[in-house]
Amino acid sequence: MTRTRLRRLSSAGIVAATALIAVTTLTPLATSDGGCALGLPCVVVRAGGFGALGVAIAARFAVSEAAARAPRRMLLMTLLALWIGAAIDELAQAAVGRDPALANWLADMAGAIGGLTAGSIVLRALRQQRPQHD
């Protein structure tokens, strides 16, 4: 897969994961009798959504020119953006009649970090399997 294609796919993945998070956490449809989407435990739904976002961000990170120049700084900025995004998502739930909870925010962050880690491992393994050109 080319860098351009991975860049496009990761961008689409970020948009799709963000939409999934919004639907499962910020819409009245997401709450069924005080629970979460699909009748699953909220921790599972939130970690899954933010995990998908983490995988997409890992793919985008892999082809980022800024990350190639300053990987540690970009990783810290990525984690900070996820931290702030998860906090905003949690606080915004008051608008749809749900109560913010620290456990949900922790599930968001665990999912995001898990997704970043899993995505990075998979991308690194795929890169190592690619035929080497001299």
Protein backbone atom coordinates (compact mmCIF):
# COMPACT_ATOMS: atom_id res chain seq x y z
CA MET A 1 0.00 0.00 0.00
CA THR A 2 1.33 3.41 -0.89
CA ARG A 3 1.78 6.21 1.61
CA THR A 4 -0.84 8.29 -0.19
CA ARG A 5 -3.41 5.53 -0.01
CA LEU A 6 -2.67 4.84 3.67
CA ARG A 7 -2.98 8.59 4.32
CA ARG A 8 -6.42 8.67 2.68
CA LEU A 9 -7.63 5.50 4.39
CA SER A 10 -6.44 6.67 7.80
CA SER A 11 -8.14 10.03 7.34
CA ALA A 12 -11.39 8.28 6.42
CA GLY A 13 -10.93 6.00 9.43
CA ILE A 14 -10.51 8.97 11.75
CA VAL A 15 -13.70 10.56 10.44
CA ALA A 16 -15.62 7.26 10.69
CA ALA A 17 -14.38 6.51 14.23
CA THR A 18 -15.20 10.04 15.36
CA ALA A 19 -18.72 9.69 13.92
CA LEU A 20 -19.10 6.31 15.66
CA ILE A 21 -18.05 7.86 18.97
CA ALA A 22 -20.49 10.73 18.53
CA VAL A 23 -23.39 8.42 17.70
CA THR A 24 -22.68 6.01 20.53
CA THR A 25 -22.08 8.64 23.19
CA LEU A 26 -23.83 11.89 22.29
CA THR A 27 -27.16 11.00 20.76
CA PRO A 28 -30.35 10.14 22.60
CA LEU A 29 -30.42 6.95 20.52
CA ALA A 30 -27.26 5.85 22.29
CA THR A 31 -29.06 5.46 25.58
CA SER A 32 -31.44 2.58 25.99
CA ASP A 33 -32.88 2.64 29.51
CA GLY A 34 -29.79 4.41 30.83
CA GLY A 35 -27.40 1.98 29.18
CA CYS A 36 -25.18 2.33 26.14
CA ALA A 37 -25.56 1.56 22.46
CA LEU A 38 -26.46 -1.98 21.42
CA GLY A 39 -27.15 -2.91 25.05
CA LEU A 40 -23.41 -3.32 25.69
CA PRO A 41 -21.65 -2.08 28.80
CA CYS A 42 -20.62 1.57 28.36
CA VAL A 43 -16.98 0.75 29.03
CA VAL A 44 -16.94 -1.69 26.08
CA VAL A 45 -18.67 0.74 23.71
CA ARG A 46 -16.43 3.64 24.65
CA ALA A 47 -13.16 1.67 24.61
CA GLY A 48 -14.13 0.16 21.26
CA GLY A 49 -14.92 3.51 19.65
CA PHE A 50 -11.80 5.19 20.94
CA GLY A 51 -9.78 2.05 20.10
CA ALA A 52 -10.92 2.34 16.48
CA LEU A 53 -9.92 6.00 16.55
CA GLY A 54 -6.52 5.03 17.98
CA VAL A 55 -5.89 2.52 15.18
CA ALA A 56 -6.78 5.10 12.53
CA ILE A 57 -4.55 7.70 14.18
CA ALA A 58 -1.67 5.19 14.34
CA ALA A 59 -2.00 4.67 10.58
CA ARG A 60 -2.01 8.43 10.01
CA PHE A 61 0.97 8.81 12.34
CA ALA A 62 2.89 6.22 10.29
CA VAL A 63 2.72 8.38 7.15
CA SER A 64 2.98 11.78 8.83
CA GLU A 65 5.91 13.94 7.79
CA ALA A 66 5.70 15.84 11.08
CA ALA A 67 5.90 12.56 13.01
CA ALA A 68 8.95 11.56 10.98
CA ARG A 69 10.69 14.82 11.94
CA ALA A 70 9.74 14.87 15.64
CA PRO A 71 8.13 11.55 16.64
CA ARG A 72 8.14 12.07 20.41
CA ARG A 73 6.65 15.55 20.18
CA MET A 74 3.95 14.40 17.76
CA LEU A 75 3.13 11.39 19.93
CA LEU A 76 2.73 13.64 22.98
CA MET A 77 0.55 16.02 20.96
CA THR A 78 -1.54 13.08 19.74
CA LEU A 79 -2.04 11.78 23.28
CA LEU A 80 -2.92 15.27 24.50
CA ALA A 81 -5.47 15.69 21.71
CA LEU A 82 -7.04 12.32 22.56
CA TRP A 83 -7.09 13.23 26.26
CA ILE A 84 -8.83 16.55 25.57
CA GLY A 85 -11.20 14.98 23.01
CA ALA A 86 -12.23 12.25 25.45
CA ALA A 87 -12.80 14.85 28.18
CA ILE A 88 -14.91 17.05 25.87
CA ASP A 89 -16.92 14.01 24.77
CA GLU A 90 -17.55 13.07 28.38
CA LEU A 91 -18.57 16.58 29.42
CA ALA A 92 -20.80 17.03 26.34
CA GLN A 93 -22.96 14.11 27.45
CA ALA A 94 -24.80 16.42 29.84
CA ALA A 95 -26.47 17.94 26.76
CA VAL A 96 -28.20 14.61 26.02
CA GLY A 97 -29.17 13.81 29.58
CA ARG A 98 -26.30 11.51 30.49
CA ASP A 99 -24.00 12.01 33.43
CA PRO A 100 -20.25 12.40 32.87
CA ALA A 101 -18.25 9.67 34.60
CA LEU A 102 -14.56 9.30 35.27
CA ALA A 103 -14.78 5.56 34.49
CA ASN A 104 -16.04 6.35 30.98
CA TRP A 105 -13.23 8.83 30.39
CA LEU A 106 -10.71 6.23 31.56
CA ALA A 107 -12.29 3.70 29.17
CA ASP A 108 -11.94 6.25 26.35
CA MET A 109 -8.26 6.75 27.09
CA ALA A 110 -7.57 3.03 27.55
CA GLY A 111 -9.25 2.33 24.22
CA ALA A 112 -7.35 5.11 22.45
CA ILE A 113 -3.97 4.06 23.84
CA GLY A 114 -4.75 0.40 23.12
CA GLY A 115 -5.76 1.29 19.56
CA LEU A 116 -2.62 3.37 19.02
CA THR A 117 -0.49 0.52 20.33
CA ALA A 118 -2.26 -2.20 18.32
CA GLY A 119 -2.23 -0.10 15.16
CA SER A 120 1.48 0.62 15.56
CA ILE A 121 2.31 -3.06 16.10
CA VAL A 122 0.32 -4.14 13.04
CA LEU A 123 1.82 -1.43 10.83
CA ARG A 124 5.34 -2.29 11.98
CA ALA A 125 4.73 -6.00 11.25
CA LEU A 126 3.35 -5.18 7.80
CA ARG A 127 6.34 -2.97 7.04
CA GLN A 128 8.74 -5.77 8.00
CA GLN A 129 6.93 -8.24 5.71
CA ARG A 130 7.22 -5.91 2.72
CA PRO A 131 9.87 -7.02 0.22
CA GLN A 132 13.06 -5.03 0.60
CA HIS A 133 14.22 -3.08 -2.45
CA ASP A 134 17.91 -2.37 -2.91
